[in-house]
PDB file of N, CA and C in Angstrom:
ATOM      1  N   MET A   1       1.457   6.598 -13.691  1.00  0.00           N
ATOM      2  CA  MET A   1       2.012   7.798 -12.386  1.00  0.00           C
ATOM      3  C   MET A   1       1.308   7.879 -11.700  1.00  0.00           C
ATOM      4  N   LYS A   2       1.413   7.121 -10.480  1.00  0.00           N
ATOM      5  CA  LYS A   2       0.616   6.338  -9.005  1.00  0.00           C
ATOM      6  C   LYS A   2       1.576   7.361  -8.364  1.00  0.00           C
ATOM      7  N   ASN A   3       0.330   8.336  -8.005  1.00  0.00           N
ATOM      8  CA  ASN A   3       0.239   8.977  -5.856  1.00  0.00           C
ATOM      9  C   ASN A   3       0.850   8.582  -5.424  1.00  0.00           C
ATOM     10  N   LYS A   4       2.265   8.914  -4.842  1.00  0.00           N
ATOM     11  CA  LYS A   4       3.484   8.085  -3.700  1.00  0.00           C
ATOM     12  C   LYS A   4       1.800   8.898  -2.032  1.00  0.00           C
ATOM     13  N   ILE A   5       1.459  10.419  -2.094  1.00  0.00           N
ATOM     14  CA  ILE A   5       0.811  10.383  -1.252  1.00  0.00           C
ATOM     15  C   ILE A   5      -0.781   9.693  -1.151  1.00  0.00           C
ATOM     16  N   ALA A   6      -1.131   8.784  -2.617  1.00  0.00           N
ATOM     17  CA  ALA A   6      -2.597   8.511  -2.407  1.00  0.00           C
ATOM     18  C   ALA A   6      -2.301   7.138  -1.778  1.00  0.00           C
ATOM     19  N   ALA A   7      -1.078   6.747  -2.667  1.00  0.00           N
ATOM     20  CA  ALA A   7      -0.838   4.701  -2.101  1.00  0.00           C
ATOM     21  C   ALA A   7      -0.495   5.035  -0.779  1.00  0.00           C
ATOM     22  N   GLY A   8      -0.052   6.459  -0.070  1.00  0.00           N
ATOM     23  CA  GLY A   8       0.600   6.496   1.876  1.00  0.00           C
ATOM     24  C   GLY A   8      -1.023   6.142   2.369  1.00  0.00           C
ATOM     25  N   VAL A   9      -1.687   7.755   1.930  1.00  0.00           N
ATOM     26  CA  VAL A   9      -3.052   7.440   2.756  1.00  0.00           C
ATOM     27  C   VAL A   9      -4.170   6.205   2.711  1.00  0.00           C
ATOM     28  N   PHE A  10      -4.034   5.526   1.450  1.00  0.00           N
ATOM     29  CA  PHE A  10      -4.699   4.972   1.544  1.00  0.00           C
ATOM     30  C   PHE A  10      -4.030   3.481   2.544  1.00  0.00           C
ATOM     31  N   GLY A  11      -2.926   3.514   2.362  1.00  0.00           N
ATOM     32  CA  GLY A  11      -1.691   1.732   3.265  1.00  0.00           C
ATOM     33  C   GLY A  11      -2.348   2.488   4.823  1.00  0.00           C
ATOM     34  N   ILE A  12      -2.690   3.600   4.661  1.00  0.00           N
ATOM     35  CA  ILE A  12      -2.750   4.061   6.891  1.00  0.00           C
ATOM     36  C   ILE A  12      -3.728   3.713   7.026  1.00  0.00           C
ATOM     37  N   VAL A  13      -4.741   3.898   5.710  1.00  0.00           N
ATOM     38  CA  VAL A  13      -5.722   3.999   6.213  1.00  0.00           C
ATOM     39  C   VAL A  13      -7.178   3.016   6.433  1.00  0.00           C
ATOM     40  N   LEU A  14      -6.966   2.214   4.591  1.00  0.00           N
ATOM     41  CA  LEU A  14      -7.102   1.746   3.909  1.00  0.00           C
ATOM     42  C   LEU A  14      -6.063  -0.587   4.354  1.00  0.00           C
ATOM     43  N   GLY A  15      -5.474   0.184   4.880  1.00  0.00           N
ATOM     44  CA  GLY A  15      -4.482  -0.471   4.614  1.00  0.00           C
ATOM     45  C   GLY A  15      -5.041  -2.395   4.631  1.00  0.00           C
ATOM     46  N   GLY A  16      -5.246  -2.135   6.152  1.00  0.00           N
ATOM     47  CA  GLY A  16      -6.167  -3.609   6.633  1.00  0.00           C
ATOM     48  C   GLY A  16      -6.488  -4.205   5.030  1.00  0.00           C
ATOM     49  N   LEU A  17      -7.655  -3.448   4.485  1.00  0.00           N
ATOM     50  CA  LEU A  17      -7.944  -3.730   3.321  1.00  0.00           C
ATOM     51  C   LEU A  17      -6.773  -4.039   2.297  1.00  0.00           C
ATOM     52  N   GLY A  18      -5.997  -3.783   1.935  1.00  0.00           N
ATOM     53  CA  GLY A  18      -5.128  -4.281   0.760  1.00  0.00           C
ATOM     54  C   GLY A  18      -5.273  -2.645  -0.207  1.00  0.00           C
ATOM     55  N   VAL A  19      -6.189  -1.987   0.005  1.00  0.00           N
ATOM     56  CA  VAL A  19      -6.712  -1.018  -0.639  1.00  0.00           C
ATOM     57  C   VAL A  19      -5.131  -0.438  -1.775  1.00  0.00           C
ATOM     58  N   HIS A  20      -4.282  -0.271  -0.729  1.00  0.00           N
ATOM     59  CA  HIS A  20      -2.875   0.085  -1.315  1.00  0.00           C
ATOM     60  C   HIS A  20      -2.299  -0.513  -2.871  1.00  0.00           C
ATOM     61  N   LYS A  21      -2.728  -1.759  -2.300  1.00  0.00           N
ATOM     62  CA  LYS A  21      -1.974  -2.516  -2.893  1.00  0.00           C
ATOM     63  C   LYS A  21      -3.014  -2.743  -4.472  1.00  0.00           C
ATOM     64  N   PHE A  22      -4.157  -2.589  -3.758  1.00  0.00           N
ATOM     65  CA  PHE A  22      -4.522  -2.733  -5.657  1.00  0.00           C
ATOM     66  C   PHE A  22      -4.715  -0.900  -6.555  1.00  0.00           C
ATOM     67  N   TYR A  23      -4.393  -0.539  -5.369  1.00  0.00           N
ATOM     68  CA  TYR A  23      -3.437   1.489  -5.750  1.00  0.00           C
ATOM     69  C   TYR A  23      -2.243   1.113  -6.727  1.00  0.00           C
ATOM     70  N   LEU A  24      -1.594   0.009  -6.407  1.00  0.00           N
ATOM     71  CA  LEU A  24       0.284   0.378  -6.904  1.00  0.00           C
ATOM     72  C   LEU A  24       0.031  -0.894  -8.345  1.00  0.00           C
ATOM     73  N   GLY A  25      -1.472  -1.675  -7.963  1.00  0.00           N
ATOM     74  CA  GLY A  25      -1.580  -3.165  -9.707  1.00  0.00           C
ATOM     75  C   GLY A  25      -0.943  -4.097  -8.465  1.00  0.00           C
ATOM     76  N   ARG A  26      -0.568  -3.904  -7.351  1.00  0.00           N
ATOM     77  CA  ARG A  26      -0.503  -5.555  -6.833  1.00  0.00           C
ATOM     78  C   ARG A  26      -1.633  -5.787  -6.070  1.00  0.00           C
ATOM     79  N   ILE A  27      -2.688  -7.025  -7.297  1.00  0.00           N
ATOM     80  CA  ILE A  27      -3.508  -7.605  -6.675  1.00  0.00           C
ATOM     81  C   ILE A  27      -3.414  -8.707  -6.541  1.00  0.00           C
ATOM     82  N   LYS A  28      -2.870  -9.500  -6.514  1.00  0.00           N
ATOM     83  CA  LYS A  28      -2.386 -10.719  -5.674  1.00  0.00           C
ATOM     84  C   LYS A  28      -1.968 -10.786  -3.762  1.00  0.00           C
ATOM     85  N   MET A  29      -1.502  -9.943  -4.189  1.00  0.00           N
ATOM     86  CA  MET A  29      -0.832  -8.477  -3.359  1.00  0.00           C
ATOM     87  C   MET A  29      -2.579  -8.975  -2.385  1.00  0.00           C
ATOM     88  N   GLY A  30      -3.415  -7.546  -3.235  1.00  0.00           N
ATOM     89  CA  GLY A  30      -4.683  -6.764  -2.476  1.00  0.00           C
ATOM     90  C   GLY A  30      -5.597  -8.434  -1.868  1.00  0.00           C
ATOM     91  N   VAL A  31      -5.683  -9.429  -3.146  1.00  0.00           N
ATOM     92  CA  VAL A  31      -6.926  -9.882  -2.256  1.00  0.00           C
ATOM     93  C   VAL A  31      -5.607 -10.720  -1.349  1.00  0.00           C
ATOM     94  N   LEU A  32      -4.830 -11.557  -1.159  1.00  0.00           N
ATOM     95  CA  LEU A  32      -4.114 -11.947   0.271  1.00  0.00           C
ATOM     96  C   LEU A  32      -4.494 -11.166   1.638  1.00  0.00           C
ATOM     97  N   TYR A  33      -4.500 -10.069   1.076  1.00  0.00           N
ATOM     98  CA  TYR A  33      -4.570  -8.879   2.807  1.00  0.00           C
ATOM     99  C   TYR A  33      -5.559  -9.449   2.663  1.00  0.00           C
ATOM    100  N   LEU A  34      -7.301  -9.050   1.552  1.00  0.00           N
ATOM    101  CA  LEU A  34      -8.612  -9.206   1.263  1.00  0.00           C
ATOM    102  C   LEU A  34      -8.798 -10.381   2.258  1.00  0.00           C
ATOM    103  N   LEU A  35      -7.812 -11.535   2.651  1.00  0.00           N
ATOM    104  CA  LEU A  35      -8.197 -13.389   3.160  1.00  0.00           C
ATOM    105  C   LEU A  35      -8.680 -12.795   3.989  1.00  0.00           C
ATOM    106  N   PHE A  36      -7.099 -11.913   4.677  1.00  0.00           N
ATOM    107  CA  PHE A  36      -6.236 -11.779   6.410  1.00  0.00           C
ATOM    108  C   PHE A  36      -6.926 -10.947   6.618  1.00  0.00           C
ATOM    109  N   CYS A  37      -7.904 -10.425   6.653  1.00  0.00           N
ATOM    110  CA  CYS A  37      -8.184  -9.027   7.005  1.00  0.00           C
ATOM    111  C   CYS A  37      -8.915  -9.416   8.225  1.00  0.00           C
ATOM    112  N   TRP A  38      -9.415 -10.214   8.276  1.00  0.00           N
ATOM    113  CA  TRP A  38      -9.813 -10.085   9.753  1.00  0.00           C
ATOM    114  C   TRP A  38      -8.550 -10.778  10.558  1.00  0.00           C
ATOM    115  N   THR A  39      -7.069 -11.167  10.899  1.00  0.00           N
ATOM    116  CA  THR A  39      -6.422 -10.695  11.269  1.00  0.00           C
ATOM    117  C   THR A  39      -6.135  -9.745  12.202  1.00  0.00           C
ATOM    118  N   GLY A  40      -6.229  -8.839  11.761  1.00  0.00           N
ATOM    119  CA  GLY A  40      -5.510  -7.740  11.467  1.00  0.00           C
ATOM    120  C   GLY A  40      -4.394  -7.377  11.518  1.00  0.00           C
ATOM    121  N   ILE A  41      -3.136  -9.076  11.394  1.00  0.00           N
ATOM    122  CA  ILE A  41      -1.928  -8.322  10.025  1.00  0.00           C
ATOM    123  C   ILE A  41      -1.476  -7.203   9.462  1.00  0.00           C
ATOM    124  N   PRO A  42      -2.500  -7.064   8.087  1.00  0.00           N
ATOM    125  CA  PRO A  42      -2.609  -7.021   7.480  1.00  0.00           C
ATOM    126  C   PRO A  42      -3.052  -4.711   7.706  1.00  0.00           C
ATOM    127  N   SER A  43      -3.917  -4.680   8.789  1.00  0.00           N
ATOM    128  CA  SER A  43      -3.486  -3.701   9.071  1.00  0.00           C
ATOM    129  C   SER A  43      -2.631  -2.554   9.917  1.00  0.00           C
ATOM    130  N   ILE A  44      -1.834  -3.424  10.580  1.00  0.00           N
ATOM    131  CA  ILE A  44      -0.622  -3.173  11.248  1.00  0.00           C
ATOM    132  C   ILE A  44       0.329  -3.497   9.612  1.00  0.00           C
ATOM    133  N   VAL A  45       0.919  -4.188   9.030  1.00  0.00           N
ATOM    134  CA  VAL A  45       1.675  -4.104   7.993  1.00  0.00           C
ATOM    135  C   VAL A  45       1.631  -2.610   7.177  1.00  0.00           C
ATOM    136  N   GLY A  46      -0.060  -2.207   6.726  1.00  0.00           N
ATOM    137  CA  GLY A  46      -0.516  -1.265   5.766  1.00  0.00           C
ATOM    138  C   GLY A  46      -0.312  -0.331   6.305  1.00  0.00           C
ATOM    139  N   ILE A  47      -0.240   0.527   7.239  1.00  0.00           N
ATOM    140  CA  ILE A  47       0.545   1.253   8.769  1.00  0.00           C
ATOM    141  C   ILE A  47       2.055   1.437   7.683  1.00  0.00           C
ATOM    142  N   ILE A  48       2.403   1.155   8.144  1.00  0.00           N
ATOM    143  CA  ILE A  48       4.292  -0.005   7.922  1.00  0.00           C
ATOM    144  C   ILE A  48       4.024   0.786   6.280  1.00  0.00           C
ATOM    145  N   GLU A  49       3.619  -0.310   5.824  1.00  0.00           N
ATOM    146  CA  GLU A  49       3.963  -0.197   4.363  1.00  0.00           C
ATOM    147  C   GLU A  49       3.374   1.762   4.251  1.00  0.00           C
ATOM    148  N   GLY A  50       2.066   2.979   4.585  1.00  0.00           N
ATOM    149  CA  GLY A  50       1.595   3.692   3.426  1.00  0.00           C
ATOM    150  C   GLY A  50       3.547   4.945   4.158  1.00  0.00           C
ATOM    151  N   VAL A  51       3.198   4.264   6.182  1.00  0.00           N
ATOM    152  CA  VAL A  51       5.390   5.398   6.030  1.00  0.00           C
ATOM    153  C   VAL A  51       5.455   5.449   5.257  1.00  0.00           C
ATOM    154  N   LEU A  52       6.195   4.013   5.326  1.00  0.00           N
ATOM    155  CA  LEU A  52       6.840   4.105   3.912  1.00  0.00           C
ATOM    156  C   LEU A  52       6.949   4.401   2.504  1.00  0.00           C
ATOM    157  N   TYR A  53       6.054   4.497   2.243  1.00  0.00           N
ATOM    158  CA  TYR A  53       5.411   4.798   0.490  1.00  0.00           C
ATOM    159  C   TYR A  53       5.791   6.858   0.776  1.00  0.00           C
ATOM    160  N   LEU A  54       5.676   7.245   2.895  1.00  0.00           N
ATOM    161  CA  LEU A  54       5.109   8.674   2.440  1.00  0.00           C
ATOM    162  C   LEU A  54       6.743   9.176   2.388  1.00  0.00           C
ATOM    163  N   THR A  55       7.361   8.424   2.936  1.00  0.00           N
ATOM    164  CA  THR A  55       9.462   9.215   2.976  1.00  0.00           C
ATOM    165  C   THR A  55       9.760   8.396   2.417  1.00  0.00           C
ATOM    166  N   MET A  56       9.757   8.150   1.234  1.00  0.00           N
ATOM    167  CA  MET A  56      10.417   7.547   0.503  1.00  0.00           C
ATOM    168  C   MET A  56      10.600   8.936  -0.705  1.00  0.00           C
ATOM    169  N   SER A  57      11.884   8.530  -1.210  1.00  0.00           N
ATOM    170  CA  SER A  57      11.874  10.326  -2.069  1.00  0.00           C
ATOM    171  C   SER A  57      11.468   9.658  -3.456  1.00  0.00           C
ATOM    172  N   ASP A  58      10.201  10.835  -4.103  1.00  0.00           N
ATOM    173  CA  ASP A  58       9.812  10.525  -5.541  1.00  0.00           C
ATOM    174  C   ASP A  58      10.103  10.128  -6.180  1.00  0.00           C
ATOM    175  N   PRO A  59      11.758   9.739  -6.816  1.00  0.00           N
ATOM    176  CA  PRO A  59      11.979   9.141  -8.073  1.00  0.00           C
ATOM    177  C   PRO A  59      12.685   7.605  -7.797  1.00  0.00           C
ATOM    178  N   GLU A  60      12.848   7.864  -6.094  1.00  0.00           N
ATOM    179  CA  GLU A  60      12.178   6.065  -5.519  1.00  0.00           C
ATOM    180  C   GLU A  60      11.161   5.209  -5.908  1.00  0.00           C
ATOM    181  N   PHE A  61       9.856   5.651  -5.277  1.00  0.00           N
ATOM    182  CA  PHE A  61       9.021   5.967  -5.993  1.00  0.00           C
ATOM    183  C   PHE A  61       8.256   5.250  -7.420  1.00  0.00           C
ATOM    184  N   ASN A  62       8.726   6.609  -7.957  1.00  0.00           N
ATOM    185  CA  ASN A  62       8.323   6.417  -9.643  1.00  0.00           C
ATOM    186  C   ASN A  62       8.889   4.844  -9.947  1.00  0.00           C
ATOM    187  N   GLU A  63      10.690   4.693  -9.844  1.00  0.00           N
ATOM    188  CA  GLU A  63      11.520   3.468 -10.090  1.00  0.00           C
ATOM    189  C   GLU A  63      10.995   2.500  -9.993  1.00  0.00           C
ATOM    190  N   ARG A  64      10.001   1.997  -7.994  1.00  0.00           N
ATOM    191  CA  ARG A  64       9.949   1.042  -8.047  1.00  0.00           C
ATOM    192  C   ARG A  64       7.951   0.728  -8.377  1.00  0.00           C
ATOM    193  N   TYR A  65       7.162   1.454  -8.243  1.00  0.00           N
ATOM    194  CA  TYR A  65       6.100   1.152  -8.756  1.00  0.00           C
ATOM    195  C   TYR A  65       5.302   2.423  -9.656  1.00  0.00           C
ATOM    196  N   ALA A  66       6.389   3.587 -10.488  1.00  0.00           N
ATOM    197  CA  ALA A  66       5.695   3.760 -11.688  1.00  0.00           C
ATOM    198  C   ALA A  66       5.844   1.740 -12.723  1.00  0.00           C
ATOM    199  N   GLY A  67       4.104   2.718 -13.544  1.00  0.00           N
ATOM    200  CA  GLY A  67       3.730   1.328 -15.337  1.00  0.00           C
ATOM    201  C   GLY A  67       3.133  -0.294 -14.329  1.00  0.00           C
TER     202      GLY A  67
END
Protein backbone atom coordinates (compact mmCIF):
# COMPACT_ATOMS: atom_id res chain seq x y z
CA MET A 1 0.00 0.00 0.00
CA LYS A 2 1.49 3.32 -1.06
CA ASN A 3 0.93 6.54 0.86
CA LYS A 4 -0.47 9.35 -1.30
CA ILE A 5 0.96 12.05 0.97
CA ALA A 6 4.47 10.61 0.64
CA ALA A 7 4.06 10.32 -3.14
CA GLY A 8 2.80 13.91 -3.34
CA VAL A 9 5.64 15.30 -1.25
CA PHE A 10 8.21 13.30 -3.23
CA GLY A 11 6.69 14.66 -6.44
CA ILE A 12 6.81 18.28 -5.27
CA VAL A 13 10.24 18.19 -3.59
CA LEU A 14 12.17 15.57 -5.56
CA GLY A 15 10.05 15.25 -8.70
CA GLY A 16 12.87 16.37 -10.96
CA LEU A 17 14.76 13.21 -10.07
CA GLY A 18 11.73 10.94 -10.43
CA VAL A 19 11.70 9.84 -6.80
CA HIS A 20 7.89 9.78 -6.75
CA LYS A 21 7.87 7.43 -9.76
CA PHE A 22 10.34 5.07 -8.09
CA TYR A 23 8.22 5.18 -4.92
CA LEU A 24 5.10 4.22 -6.88
CA GLY A 25 6.91 1.34 -8.58
CA ARG A 26 7.14 2.95 -12.00
CA ILE A 27 10.84 2.31 -12.46
CA LYS A 28 11.03 3.01 -16.21
CA MET A 29 9.38 6.40 -15.77
CA GLY A 30 11.71 7.15 -12.85
CA VAL A 31 14.74 6.42 -15.01
CA LEU A 32 13.30 8.63 -17.76
CA TYR A 33 12.92 11.48 -15.28
CA LEU A 34 16.53 10.95 -14.16
CA LEU A 35 17.81 11.02 -17.73
CA PHE A 36 16.11 14.35 -18.45
CA CYS A 37 16.49 16.01 -15.03
CA TRP A 38 19.04 18.44 -16.45
CA THR A 39 16.32 20.04 -18.65
CA GLY A 40 14.11 21.10 -15.75
CA ILE A 41 11.01 19.67 -17.41
CA PRO A 42 10.71 16.71 -14.99
CA SER A 43 10.76 19.20 -12.10
CA ILE A 44 7.74 21.04 -13.47
CA VAL A 45 5.89 17.81 -14.25
CA GLY A 46 6.81 16.41 -10.82
CA ILE A 47 5.28 19.42 -9.06
CA ILE A 48 2.09 19.05 -11.08
CA GLU A 49 1.92 15.32 -10.39
CA GLY A 50 2.61 15.86 -6.69
CA VAL A 51 -0.30 18.27 -6.42
CA LEU A 52 -2.52 15.84 -8.33
CA TYR A 53 -1.59 13.01 -5.95
CA LEU A 54 -2.42 15.17 -2.93
CA THR A 55 -5.79 16.28 -4.31
CA MET A 56 -6.81 12.79 -5.46
CA SER A 57 -9.26 10.90 -3.25
CA ASP A 58 -7.87 7.99 -1.24
CA PRO A 59 -9.92 5.31 -3.04
CA GLU A 60 -8.93 6.68 -6.46
CA PHE A 61 -5.23 6.81 -5.49
CA ASN A 62 -5.32 3.27 -4.10
CA GLU A 63 -7.11 1.97 -7.18
CA ARG A 64 -4.56 3.56 -9.49
CA TYR A 65 -1.31 2.98 -7.60
CA ALA A 66 -1.84 0.17 -5.05
CA GLY A 67 -0.01 -3.07 -5.62
